Structure formats: structure tokens, C-alpha cells
Amino acid sequence: MSRLTLSICALFGLALLVYLPTWMNEKPQSANLQKENAHKPAYRAKNITTTLYDDNGNIHHQVFAKTMEHYDLLGFVTFAEPEYSIYGDADQTPWQLKAAEGTLYNGNVIQLDKNVELTSQGPDEFIKSVTTEFIQLNLETRQMVSDQPVTIQGIDYIIESNGLNANLRTKHYELIDHVQTTFAPQATVTD
């Protein structure tokens, strides 16, 4: 090999050694752009009502929200002041959930935060309302969980607990760390 060939090879080798660390540390621009866009909603809506039906054409659940933001890349939808109506089988009364904030995840799980109130729409339900600061609800199984202080109200009682595990479909309610129950039967008036 000639001196000229060796000099050119050495020059290219030196340039490669100098710029190789820079090339290795460069991140693809599309990955950075995708990361930045993940924190921006794909779309926003105001004063929106959405109704979801089951396979038989019956209403499964309905949601109204002052604002809704959908984050495609992160896989969730956020709501401001959501109002959910959850319908069960034909013989079950619907439930209404209200909160200051809500997040719906891809697995049909909704988390409601701040001033959460769950109210039965039926006049003969044993539990009339549940209030707390946080509830997580699986919309498919109707399984509801809260690890925050919970107040449950019925016609003649108020139950306070530091958590709740319940199923709206089976009407099975489990208190976690029961605090207090107040029973006050309504007086009946007879003529």
C-alpha cells in the first residue's frame, strides 16, 4: 500500500472515531416528536354526550362531560365534570355517577376523582347513594373499588368506611375498614 492510501484510510478512521459517538447518541427525530405529541390530546370536545349500546341494542352506559380530551398515544380519555349513567340488565335500575374529574382507560376502566357521587335511580334500592373522593369502576364487570373514605346512604341509615369494594351487577358490597353506622328508622304515620 502506498503512503497516500494509508493517509486517506487513517484520515477516514480518525473522522469515524471523532464523529461516531455523536452519531450513536442522536435520537431519531420522529421518536422525540412522538414523545412530545403524547402529552397533547388528539382531539378535544366540549359539552359532549356519548351513548354506548350493547350487542342487543340496549343502552350500556352514557356519559356527559363539560370537556373531553382523547390521548391516543397514552391510551386514555379525560373528562371534566363527567356524569355517567350506567345501565344494567332490564330488571336492574341504572346508576348515575358524578365527579369533578374522570379518566377512562382503554380497558373500559374509569377513575373518578374529587366530589364523586354515585346515586341509584331506582326508588326501591337498598343503597341510595355513595359519596367519596375516588372510585375506580370497571364498566364491563360493574366492579367498583375505592380506597378513600366512603359514605353510603340508604333510607334509614348512613354507613362510613375507609374504602369500598362493590359490584353493582350482583349488588355485593364489602366495606374496607368500617368506621361507623348510624341507623335512624323513619317514623310511620298512621291514622
N, C-alpha and C. Protein backbone atom coordinates (compact mmCIF):
# COMPACT_ATOMS: atom_id res chain seq x y z
N MET A 1 0.83 -1.16 0.00
CA MET A 1 0.00 0.00 0.00
C MET A 1 0.88 1.24 0.00
N SER A 2 0.39 2.21 -0.68
CA SER A 2 1.16 3.46 -0.77
C SER A 2 0.86 4.36 0.42
N ARG A 3 1.73 5.34 0.56
CA ARG A 3 1.56 6.28 1.65
C ARG A 3 0.26 7.07 1.51
N LEU A 4 -0.09 7.38 0.31
CA LEU A 4 -1.32 8.13 0.07
C LEU A 4 -2.54 7.34 0.51
N THR A 5 -2.59 6.05 0.20
CA THR A 5 -3.71 5.19 0.60
C THR A 5 -3.77 5.07 2.11
N LEU A 6 -2.61 4.89 2.74
CA LEU A 6 -2.57 4.80 4.20
C LEU A 6 -3.02 6.11 4.85
N SER A 7 -2.64 7.22 4.29
CA SER A 7 -3.03 8.54 4.84
C SER A 7 -4.53 8.75 4.72
N ILE A 8 -5.09 8.39 3.58
CA ILE A 8 -6.54 8.54 3.38
C ILE A 8 -7.30 7.63 4.33
N CYS A 9 -6.85 6.38 4.49
CA CYS A 9 -7.51 5.43 5.42
C CYS A 9 -7.40 5.94 6.86
N ALA A 10 -6.24 6.46 7.23
CA ALA A 10 -6.06 6.99 8.58
C ALA A 10 -6.96 8.20 8.81
N LEU A 11 -7.09 9.07 7.79
CA LEU A 11 -7.95 10.25 7.90
C LEU A 11 -9.42 9.84 8.07
N PHE A 12 -9.89 8.89 7.28
CA PHE A 12 -11.26 8.41 7.41
C PHE A 12 -11.48 7.72 8.77
N GLY A 13 -10.50 6.95 9.22
CA GLY A 13 -10.59 6.28 10.53
C GLY A 13 -10.67 7.30 11.65
N LEU A 14 -9.87 8.36 11.57
CA LEU A 14 -9.89 9.42 12.58
C LEU A 14 -11.24 10.14 12.58
N ALA A 15 -11.74 10.46 11.38
CA ALA A 15 -13.04 11.12 11.28
C ALA A 15 -14.14 10.22 11.85
N LEU A 16 -14.06 8.94 11.58
CA LEU A 16 -15.03 7.99 12.11
C LEU A 16 -14.98 7.94 13.63
N LEU A 17 -13.80 7.91 14.20
CA LEU A 17 -13.66 7.88 15.66
C LEU A 17 -14.16 9.17 16.31
N VAL A 18 -13.96 10.30 15.65
CA VAL A 18 -14.39 11.59 16.20
C VAL A 18 -15.92 11.72 16.15
N TYR A 19 -16.56 11.33 15.05
CA TYR A 19 -17.99 11.54 14.87
C TYR A 19 -18.86 10.35 15.29
N LEU A 20 -18.29 9.20 15.51
CA LEU A 20 -19.07 8.01 15.88
C LEU A 20 -19.87 8.22 17.18
N PRO A 21 -19.27 8.75 18.26
CA PRO A 21 -20.08 8.97 19.47
C PRO A 21 -21.26 9.92 19.23
N THR A 22 -21.06 10.93 18.40
CA THR A 22 -22.15 11.87 18.09
C THR A 22 -23.26 11.16 17.33
N TRP A 23 -22.93 10.35 16.37
CA TRP A 23 -23.92 9.61 15.60
C TRP A 23 -24.66 8.60 16.45
N MET A 24 -23.96 7.98 17.39
CA MET A 24 -24.58 6.97 18.25
C MET A 24 -25.57 7.60 19.23
N ASN A 25 -25.32 8.82 19.68
CA ASN A 25 -26.18 9.48 20.67
C ASN A 25 -27.36 10.20 20.06
N GLU A 26 -27.38 10.41 18.78
CA GLU A 26 -28.50 11.09 18.14
C GLU A 26 -29.74 10.20 18.19
N LYS A 27 -30.84 10.80 18.66
CA LYS A 27 -32.10 10.07 18.69
C LYS A 27 -32.88 10.43 17.44
N PRO A 28 -33.62 9.48 16.94
CA PRO A 28 -34.43 9.78 15.77
C PRO A 28 -35.40 10.91 16.08
N GLN A 29 -35.55 11.81 15.15
CA GLN A 29 -36.40 12.97 15.35
C GLN A 29 -37.86 12.56 15.51
N SER A 30 -38.30 11.53 14.86
CA SER A 30 -39.70 11.11 14.95
C SER A 30 -40.03 10.58 16.35
N ALA A 31 -39.09 9.94 17.02
CA ALA A 31 -39.34 9.45 18.38
C ALA A 31 -39.52 10.62 19.33
N ASN A 32 -38.70 11.67 19.20
CA ASN A 32 -38.87 12.85 20.04
C ASN A 32 -40.19 13.54 19.76
N LEU A 33 -40.54 13.64 18.50
CA LEU A 33 -41.80 14.28 18.12
C LEU A 33 -42.98 13.49 18.66
N GLN A 34 -42.92 12.17 18.57
CA GLN A 34 -43.99 11.32 19.08
C GLN A 34 -44.11 11.46 20.59
N LYS A 35 -42.98 11.55 21.28
CA LYS A 35 -42.99 11.72 22.73
C LYS A 35 -43.62 13.05 23.12
N GLU A 36 -43.31 14.10 22.39
CA GLU A 36 -43.89 15.41 22.65
C GLU A 36 -45.39 15.41 22.38
N ASN A 37 -45.82 14.76 21.31
CA ASN A 37 -47.24 14.72 20.96
C ASN A 37 -48.06 13.84 21.88
N ALA A 38 -47.43 12.94 22.62
CA ALA A 38 -48.17 12.06 23.53
C ALA A 38 -48.85 12.85 24.63
N HIS A 39 -48.28 13.99 24.99
CA HIS A 39 -48.85 14.81 26.06
C HIS A 39 -49.87 15.82 25.56
N LYS A 40 -50.13 15.80 24.27
CA LYS A 40 -51.14 16.68 23.68
C LYS A 40 -52.32 15.82 23.25
N PRO A 41 -53.54 16.25 23.55
CA PRO A 41 -54.69 15.43 23.15
C PRO A 41 -54.83 15.35 21.63
N ALA A 42 -55.28 14.19 21.16
CA ALA A 42 -55.53 14.01 19.73
C ALA A 42 -56.72 14.86 19.30
N TYR A 43 -57.71 14.98 20.20
CA TYR A 43 -58.84 15.88 19.96
C TYR A 43 -59.51 16.24 21.28
N ARG A 44 -60.24 17.35 21.24
CA ARG A 44 -60.97 17.87 22.39
C ARG A 44 -62.42 18.08 21.99
N ALA A 45 -63.31 17.95 22.98
CA ALA A 45 -64.72 18.22 22.73
C ALA A 45 -65.29 18.91 23.96
N LYS A 46 -66.30 19.75 23.74
CA LYS A 46 -66.96 20.45 24.83
C LYS A 46 -68.44 20.08 24.84
N ASN A 47 -68.99 19.99 26.06
CA ASN A 47 -70.41 19.67 26.24
C ASN A 47 -70.83 18.48 25.38
N ILE A 48 -70.17 17.36 25.62
CA ILE A 48 -70.35 16.16 24.79
C ILE A 48 -71.18 15.12 25.54
N THR A 49 -72.04 14.45 24.82
CA THR A 49 -72.79 13.31 25.34
C THR A 49 -72.50 12.12 24.43
N THR A 50 -72.10 11.01 25.05
CA THR A 50 -71.79 9.79 24.30
C THR A 50 -72.63 8.65 24.88
N THR A 51 -73.24 7.86 24.02
CA THR A 51 -74.04 6.72 24.44
C THR A 51 -73.46 5.47 23.81
N LEU A 52 -73.23 4.44 24.65
CA LEU A 52 -72.70 3.17 24.17
C LEU A 52 -73.78 2.10 24.35
N TYR A 53 -74.03 1.33 23.29
CA TYR A 53 -75.06 0.29 23.30
C TYR A 53 -74.41 -1.08 23.35
N ASP A 54 -75.13 -2.07 23.91
CA ASP A 54 -74.63 -3.44 23.91
C ASP A 54 -75.00 -4.12 22.60
N ASP A 55 -74.70 -5.40 22.47
CA ASP A 55 -74.96 -6.14 21.23
C ASP A 55 -76.45 -6.27 20.92
N ASN A 56 -77.29 -6.16 21.95
CA ASN A 56 -78.73 -6.30 21.75
C ASN A 56 -79.42 -4.97 21.49
N GLY A 57 -78.66 -3.88 21.45
CA GLY A 57 -79.23 -2.56 21.19
C GLY A 57 -79.69 -1.83 22.44
N ASN A 58 -79.43 -2.39 23.61
CA ASN A 58 -79.79 -1.73 24.86
C ASN A 58 -78.67 -0.77 25.28
N ILE A 59 -79.04 0.31 25.95
CA ILE A 59 -78.02 1.26 26.40
C ILE A 59 -77.15 0.60 27.45
N HIS A 60 -75.85 0.63 27.25
CA HIS A 60 -74.87 0.07 28.19
C HIS A 60 -74.46 1.14 29.19
N HIS A 61 -74.00 2.27 28.69
CA HIS A 61 -73.73 3.42 29.53
C HIS A 61 -73.74 4.69 28.69
N GLN A 62 -73.93 5.79 29.38
CA GLN A 62 -73.99 7.08 28.72
C GLN A 62 -73.16 8.05 29.54
N VAL A 63 -72.44 8.94 28.86
CA VAL A 63 -71.61 9.91 29.57
C VAL A 63 -71.82 11.30 28.99
N PHE A 64 -71.93 12.26 29.89
CA PHE A 64 -71.93 13.66 29.53
C PHE A 64 -70.74 14.30 30.23
N ALA A 65 -70.05 15.22 29.56
CA ALA A 65 -68.93 15.92 30.19
C ALA A 65 -68.84 17.33 29.64
N LYS A 66 -68.40 18.24 30.50
CA LYS A 66 -68.20 19.63 30.05
C LYS A 66 -67.10 19.68 29.02
N THR A 67 -65.99 18.97 29.28
CA THR A 67 -64.92 18.86 28.29
C THR A 67 -64.38 17.44 28.30
N MET A 68 -63.89 17.01 27.14
CA MET A 68 -63.29 15.69 27.00
C MET A 68 -62.04 15.85 26.15
N GLU A 69 -60.96 15.18 26.55
CA GLU A 69 -59.72 15.18 25.78
C GLU A 69 -59.28 13.73 25.58
N HIS A 70 -59.00 13.37 24.34
CA HIS A 70 -58.61 12.00 23.99
C HIS A 70 -57.12 11.96 23.67
N TYR A 71 -56.37 11.12 24.41
CA TYR A 71 -54.94 10.97 24.22
C TYR A 71 -54.69 9.60 23.59
N ASP A 72 -54.56 9.56 22.27
CA ASP A 72 -54.37 8.31 21.54
C ASP A 72 -53.12 7.56 21.98
N LEU A 73 -51.99 8.26 22.01
CA LEU A 73 -50.71 7.61 22.29
C LEU A 73 -50.61 7.10 23.72
N LEU A 74 -51.26 7.76 24.65
CA LEU A 74 -51.22 7.33 26.05
C LEU A 74 -52.35 6.34 26.39
N GLY A 75 -53.39 6.29 25.57
CA GLY A 75 -54.44 5.29 25.74
C GLY A 75 -55.50 5.63 26.78
N PHE A 76 -55.84 6.91 26.92
CA PHE A 76 -56.92 7.26 27.83
C PHE A 76 -57.63 8.52 27.38
N VAL A 77 -58.81 8.75 28.01
CA VAL A 77 -59.64 9.92 27.75
C VAL A 77 -59.89 10.60 29.09
N THR A 78 -59.73 11.93 29.15
CA THR A 78 -60.01 12.65 30.38
C THR A 78 -61.31 13.43 30.22
N PHE A 79 -62.02 13.59 31.34
CA PHE A 79 -63.29 14.31 31.36
C PHE A 79 -63.27 15.35 32.46
N ALA A 80 -63.88 16.49 32.20
CA ALA A 80 -64.13 17.49 33.24
C ALA A 80 -65.61 17.45 33.57
N GLU A 81 -65.92 17.29 34.84
CA GLU A 81 -67.30 17.20 35.34
C GLU A 81 -68.11 16.13 34.61
N PRO A 82 -67.63 14.88 34.63
CA PRO A 82 -68.38 13.83 33.96
C PRO A 82 -69.63 13.42 34.73
N GLU A 83 -70.64 13.02 33.99
CA GLU A 83 -71.87 12.44 34.54
C GLU A 83 -72.11 11.15 33.77
N TYR A 84 -71.89 10.02 34.44
CA TYR A 84 -72.07 8.71 33.83
C TYR A 84 -73.40 8.12 34.26
N SER A 85 -74.14 7.59 33.33
CA SER A 85 -75.33 6.78 33.63
C SER A 85 -74.98 5.36 33.22
N ILE A 86 -75.06 4.44 34.18
CA ILE A 86 -74.69 3.05 33.93
C ILE A 86 -75.94 2.20 34.01
N TYR A 87 -76.23 1.50 32.92
CA TYR A 87 -77.41 0.66 32.84
C TYR A 87 -77.02 -0.80 32.97
N GLY A 88 -77.82 -1.55 33.68
CA GLY A 88 -77.57 -2.97 33.84
C GLY A 88 -78.52 -3.77 32.98
N ASP A 89 -78.89 -4.92 33.49
CA ASP A 89 -79.87 -5.75 32.80
C ASP A 89 -81.23 -5.06 32.87
N ALA A 90 -82.20 -5.60 32.14
CA ALA A 90 -83.52 -4.97 32.07
C ALA A 90 -84.19 -4.85 33.44
N ASP A 91 -83.91 -5.78 34.36
CA ASP A 91 -84.55 -5.74 35.68
C ASP A 91 -83.77 -4.92 36.70
N GLN A 92 -82.64 -4.34 36.32
CA GLN A 92 -81.83 -3.55 37.25
C GLN A 92 -82.01 -2.06 36.98
N THR A 93 -81.98 -1.30 38.08
CA THR A 93 -82.10 0.15 37.94
C THR A 93 -80.74 0.75 37.58
N PRO A 94 -80.76 1.81 36.81
CA PRO A 94 -79.49 2.44 36.45
C PRO A 94 -78.88 3.22 37.63
N TRP A 95 -77.59 3.45 37.51
CA TRP A 95 -76.84 4.24 38.49
C TRP A 95 -76.29 5.46 37.78
N GLN A 96 -76.20 6.57 38.50
CA GLN A 96 -75.60 7.78 37.96
C GLN A 96 -74.37 8.13 38.78
N LEU A 97 -73.27 8.39 38.10
CA LEU A 97 -72.02 8.80 38.74
C LEU A 97 -71.71 10.23 38.31
N LYS A 98 -71.32 11.04 39.29
CA LYS A 98 -70.88 12.41 39.00
C LYS A 98 -69.57 12.64 39.72
N ALA A 99 -68.70 13.44 39.11
CA ALA A 99 -67.42 13.77 39.73
C ALA A 99 -66.89 15.06 39.11
N ALA A 100 -65.86 15.60 39.72
CA ALA A 100 -65.21 16.79 39.16
C ALA A 100 -64.31 16.41 37.99
N GLU A 101 -63.66 15.23 38.10
CA GLU A 101 -62.74 14.77 37.05
C GLU A 101 -62.91 13.28 36.82
N GLY A 102 -62.62 12.85 35.61
CA GLY A 102 -62.67 11.43 35.30
C GLY A 102 -61.66 11.07 34.23
N THR A 103 -61.21 9.81 34.27
CA THR A 103 -60.28 9.29 33.26
C THR A 103 -60.77 7.91 32.84
N LEU A 104 -60.99 7.73 31.56
CA LEU A 104 -61.42 6.45 31.00
C LEU A 104 -60.22 5.82 30.31
N TYR A 105 -59.87 4.60 30.74
CA TYR A 105 -58.74 3.87 30.16
C TYR A 105 -59.23 2.88 29.13
N ASN A 106 -58.34 2.39 28.27
CA ASN A 106 -58.70 1.50 27.17
C ASN A 106 -59.40 0.22 27.62
N GLY A 107 -59.14 -0.26 28.81
CA GLY A 107 -59.76 -1.50 29.27
C GLY A 107 -61.14 -1.31 29.85
N ASN A 108 -61.85 -0.21 29.48
CA ASN A 108 -63.17 0.12 29.99
C ASN A 108 -63.17 0.31 31.50
N VAL A 109 -62.10 0.87 32.03
CA VAL A 109 -62.00 1.21 33.44
C VAL A 109 -62.00 2.72 33.55
N ILE A 110 -62.88 3.24 34.40
CA ILE A 110 -62.94 4.67 34.61
C ILE A 110 -62.56 4.98 36.05
N GLN A 111 -61.76 6.02 36.21
CA GLN A 111 -61.41 6.51 37.54
C GLN A 111 -62.04 7.88 37.69
N LEU A 112 -62.80 8.06 38.76
CA LEU A 112 -63.44 9.33 39.04
C LEU A 112 -62.81 9.93 40.28
N ASP A 113 -62.50 11.22 40.21
CA ASP A 113 -61.82 11.91 41.29
C ASP A 113 -62.58 13.17 41.69
N LYS A 114 -62.48 13.52 42.94
CA LYS A 114 -62.98 14.76 43.53
C LYS A 114 -64.50 14.84 43.48
N ASN A 115 -65.10 14.88 44.65
CA ASN A 115 -66.55 15.02 44.80
C ASN A 115 -67.33 13.95 44.02
N VAL A 116 -66.94 12.72 44.20
CA VAL A 116 -67.58 11.62 43.48
C VAL A 116 -68.89 11.25 44.19
N GLU A 117 -69.95 11.15 43.41
CA GLU A 117 -71.25 10.77 43.95
C GLU A 117 -71.89 9.74 43.03
N LEU A 118 -72.22 8.61 43.59
CA LEU A 118 -72.89 7.52 42.88
C LEU A 118 -74.30 7.43 43.45
N THR A 119 -75.32 7.57 42.58
CA THR A 119 -76.70 7.62 43.03
C THR A 119 -77.53 6.58 42.28
N SER A 120 -78.33 5.82 43.03
CA SER A 120 -79.23 4.85 42.40
C SER A 120 -80.44 5.61 41.85
N GLN A 121 -80.88 5.24 40.66
CA GLN A 121 -82.03 5.88 40.05
C GLN A 121 -83.34 5.15 40.36
N GLY A 122 -83.26 4.05 41.12
CA GLY A 122 -84.45 3.29 41.47
C GLY A 122 -84.97 3.67 42.85
N PRO A 123 -86.27 3.72 43.03
CA PRO A 123 -86.84 4.13 44.32
C PRO A 123 -86.72 3.05 45.40
N ASP A 124 -86.56 1.79 45.02
CA ASP A 124 -86.57 0.69 45.99
C ASP A 124 -85.20 0.11 46.27
N GLU A 125 -84.13 0.79 45.91
CA GLU A 125 -82.79 0.26 46.12
C GLU A 125 -82.38 0.38 47.58
N PHE A 126 -81.67 -0.61 48.08
CA PHE A 126 -81.19 -0.62 49.45
C PHE A 126 -80.18 0.50 49.68
N ILE A 127 -79.27 0.69 48.72
CA ILE A 127 -78.29 1.78 48.78
C ILE A 127 -78.77 2.88 47.84
N LYS A 128 -78.94 4.08 48.40
CA LYS A 128 -79.39 5.23 47.61
C LYS A 128 -78.23 6.00 47.00
N SER A 129 -77.15 6.19 47.79
CA SER A 129 -76.03 6.95 47.26
C SER A 129 -74.73 6.56 47.95
N VAL A 130 -73.64 6.79 47.24
CA VAL A 130 -72.28 6.58 47.74
C VAL A 130 -71.50 7.84 47.40
N THR A 131 -70.84 8.43 48.39
CA THR A 131 -70.00 9.60 48.13
C THR A 131 -68.58 9.33 48.62
N THR A 132 -67.61 9.85 47.87
CA THR A 132 -66.21 9.67 48.19
C THR A 132 -65.38 10.65 47.35
N GLU A 133 -64.08 10.57 47.46
CA GLU A 133 -63.19 11.40 46.65
C GLU A 133 -62.58 10.63 45.48
N PHE A 134 -62.72 9.29 45.48
CA PHE A 134 -62.13 8.48 44.41
C PHE A 134 -62.89 7.17 44.28
N ILE A 135 -63.21 6.81 43.05
CA ILE A 135 -63.79 5.50 42.73
C ILE A 135 -63.21 5.04 41.40
N GLN A 136 -62.87 3.76 41.34
CA GLN A 136 -62.46 3.13 40.09
C GLN A 136 -63.53 2.12 39.74
N LEU A 137 -64.06 2.19 38.53
CA LEU A 137 -65.17 1.34 38.11
C LEU A 137 -64.85 0.68 36.79
N ASN A 138 -65.00 -0.66 36.74
CA ASN A 138 -64.88 -1.41 35.51
C ASN A 138 -66.27 -1.41 34.87
N LEU A 139 -66.40 -0.79 33.70
CA LEU A 139 -67.71 -0.64 33.07
C LEU A 139 -68.26 -1.96 32.55
N GLU A 140 -67.41 -2.95 32.30
CA GLU A 140 -67.88 -4.25 31.82
C GLU A 140 -68.41 -5.11 32.97
N THR A 141 -67.61 -5.26 34.02
CA THR A 141 -67.99 -6.15 35.13
C THR A 141 -68.81 -5.44 36.19
N ARG A 142 -68.84 -4.11 36.16
CA ARG A 142 -69.51 -3.25 37.15
C ARG A 142 -68.86 -3.35 38.53
N GLN A 143 -67.60 -3.78 38.57
CA GLN A 143 -66.84 -3.87 39.82
C GLN A 143 -66.34 -2.46 40.17
N MET A 144 -66.56 -2.05 41.41
CA MET A 144 -66.23 -0.70 41.86
C MET A 144 -65.33 -0.80 43.09
N VAL A 145 -64.26 0.02 43.12
CA VAL A 145 -63.29 -0.02 44.21
C VAL A 145 -62.96 1.41 44.62
N SER A 146 -62.84 1.63 45.93
CA SER A 146 -62.35 2.90 46.45
C SER A 146 -61.51 2.62 47.68
N ASP A 147 -60.38 3.32 47.80
CA ASP A 147 -59.55 3.20 48.99
C ASP A 147 -59.60 4.49 49.81
N GLN A 148 -60.55 5.35 49.51
CA GLN A 148 -60.74 6.62 50.20
C GLN A 148 -61.94 6.52 51.15
N PRO A 149 -62.08 7.45 52.10
CA PRO A 149 -63.27 7.45 52.95
C PRO A 149 -64.54 7.50 52.12
N VAL A 150 -65.51 6.65 52.49
CA VAL A 150 -66.74 6.48 51.73
C VAL A 150 -67.92 6.66 52.67
N THR A 151 -68.97 7.35 52.20
CA THR A 151 -70.23 7.47 52.93
C THR A 151 -71.32 6.84 52.08
N ILE A 152 -72.02 5.86 52.66
CA ILE A 152 -73.10 5.16 51.97
C ILE A 152 -74.40 5.54 52.66
N GLN A 153 -75.39 5.97 51.89
CA GLN A 153 -76.67 6.36 52.46
C GLN A 153 -77.79 5.50 51.90
N GLY A 154 -78.67 5.10 52.81
CA GLY A 154 -79.88 4.40 52.44
C GLY A 154 -81.06 5.16 53.00
N ILE A 155 -82.22 4.53 53.02
CA ILE A 155 -83.42 5.20 53.54
C ILE A 155 -83.30 5.45 55.03
N ASP A 156 -82.82 4.48 55.79
CA ASP A 156 -82.81 4.57 57.25
C ASP A 156 -81.41 4.54 57.86
N TYR A 157 -80.37 4.70 57.09
CA TYR A 157 -79.03 4.54 57.64
C TYR A 157 -77.99 5.33 56.87
N ILE A 158 -76.86 5.53 57.54
CA ILE A 158 -75.66 6.11 56.93
C ILE A 158 -74.49 5.26 57.40
N ILE A 159 -73.67 4.79 56.46
CA ILE A 159 -72.51 3.98 56.78
C ILE A 159 -71.27 4.74 56.34
N GLU A 160 -70.27 4.78 57.22
CA GLU A 160 -68.99 5.40 56.88
C GLU A 160 -67.91 4.33 56.93
N SER A 161 -67.02 4.38 55.93
CA SER A 161 -65.98 3.38 55.81
C SER A 161 -64.74 4.02 55.19
N ASN A 162 -63.60 3.38 55.35
CA ASN A 162 -62.37 3.87 54.75
C ASN A 162 -62.04 3.12 53.47
N GLY A 163 -63.05 2.71 52.75
CA GLY A 163 -62.86 2.02 51.48
C GLY A 163 -64.07 1.18 51.16
N LEU A 164 -64.15 0.77 49.91
CA LEU A 164 -65.30 0.02 49.45
C LEU A 164 -64.88 -0.87 48.29
N ASN A 165 -65.43 -2.06 48.26
CA ASN A 165 -65.28 -2.98 47.14
C ASN A 165 -66.70 -3.45 46.84
N ALA A 166 -67.22 -3.12 45.68
CA ALA A 166 -68.62 -3.41 45.39
C ALA A 166 -68.80 -3.86 43.95
N ASN A 167 -69.90 -4.56 43.71
CA ASN A 167 -70.28 -4.94 42.37
C ASN A 167 -71.72 -4.49 42.16
N LEU A 168 -71.94 -3.56 41.25
CA LEU A 168 -73.27 -3.02 41.00
C LEU A 168 -74.18 -4.04 40.34
N ARG A 169 -73.61 -4.99 39.62
CA ARG A 169 -74.42 -6.01 38.95
C ARG A 169 -74.97 -7.03 39.94
N THR A 170 -74.10 -7.53 40.83
CA THR A 170 -74.52 -8.55 41.79
C THR A 170 -75.05 -7.96 43.10
N LYS A 171 -74.86 -6.64 43.26
CA LYS A 171 -75.28 -5.92 44.48
C LYS A 171 -74.58 -6.47 45.71
N HIS A 172 -73.32 -6.83 45.55
CA HIS A 172 -72.49 -7.30 46.66
C HIS A 172 -71.58 -6.14 47.06
N TYR A 173 -71.68 -5.70 48.32
CA TYR A 173 -70.92 -4.56 48.80
C TYR A 173 -70.07 -5.00 49.98
N GLU A 174 -68.79 -4.66 49.93
CA GLU A 174 -67.86 -5.01 51.00
C GLU A 174 -67.20 -3.72 51.50
N LEU A 175 -67.33 -3.47 52.80
CA LEU A 175 -66.70 -2.30 53.40
C LEU A 175 -65.28 -2.64 53.79
N ILE A 176 -64.38 -1.73 53.53
CA ILE A 176 -62.99 -1.90 53.94
C ILE A 176 -62.77 -0.95 55.10
N ASP A 177 -62.42 -1.49 56.25
CA ASP A 177 -62.17 -0.68 57.44
C ASP A 177 -63.40 0.16 57.81
N HIS A 178 -64.48 -0.54 58.18
CA HIS A 178 -65.73 0.10 58.59
C HIS A 178 -65.48 1.05 59.75
N VAL A 179 -66.04 2.24 59.68
CA VAL A 179 -65.85 3.26 60.72
C VAL A 179 -67.07 3.37 61.61
N GLN A 180 -68.24 3.60 60.99
CA GLN A 180 -69.44 3.86 61.79
C GLN A 180 -70.69 3.63 60.95
N THR A 181 -71.75 3.17 61.63
CA THR A 181 -73.07 3.06 61.01
C THR A 181 -74.06 3.78 61.91
N THR A 182 -74.87 4.63 61.32
CA THR A 182 -75.91 5.34 62.05
C THR A 182 -77.24 4.86 61.47
N PHE A 183 -78.09 4.35 62.36
CA PHE A 183 -79.39 3.83 61.94
C PHE A 183 -80.46 4.73 62.53
N ALA A 184 -81.33 5.27 61.67
CA ALA A 184 -82.41 6.15 62.10
C ALA A 184 -83.65 5.82 61.29
N PRO A 185 -84.46 4.88 61.79
CA PRO A 185 -85.65 4.50 61.03
C PRO A 185 -86.63 5.66 60.91
N GLN A 186 -87.27 5.71 59.76
CA GLN A 186 -88.27 6.73 59.51
C GLN A 186 -89.52 6.37 60.29
N ALA A 187 -90.11 7.36 60.93
CA ALA A 187 -91.35 7.13 61.68
C ALA A 187 -92.49 7.00 60.70
N THR A 188 -93.34 6.02 60.94
CA THR A 188 -94.51 5.83 60.08
C THR A 188 -95.72 6.50 60.73
N VAL A 189 -96.46 7.16 59.94
CA VAL A 189 -97.65 7.88 60.42
C VAL A 189 -98.87 7.01 60.11
N THR A 190 -99.67 6.76 61.14
CA THR A 190 -100.89 6.00 60.96
C THR A 190 -102.07 6.86 61.40
N ASP A 191 -103.17 6.70 60.74
CA ASP A 191 -104.37 7.45 61.10
C ASP A 191 -105.22 6.71 62.07
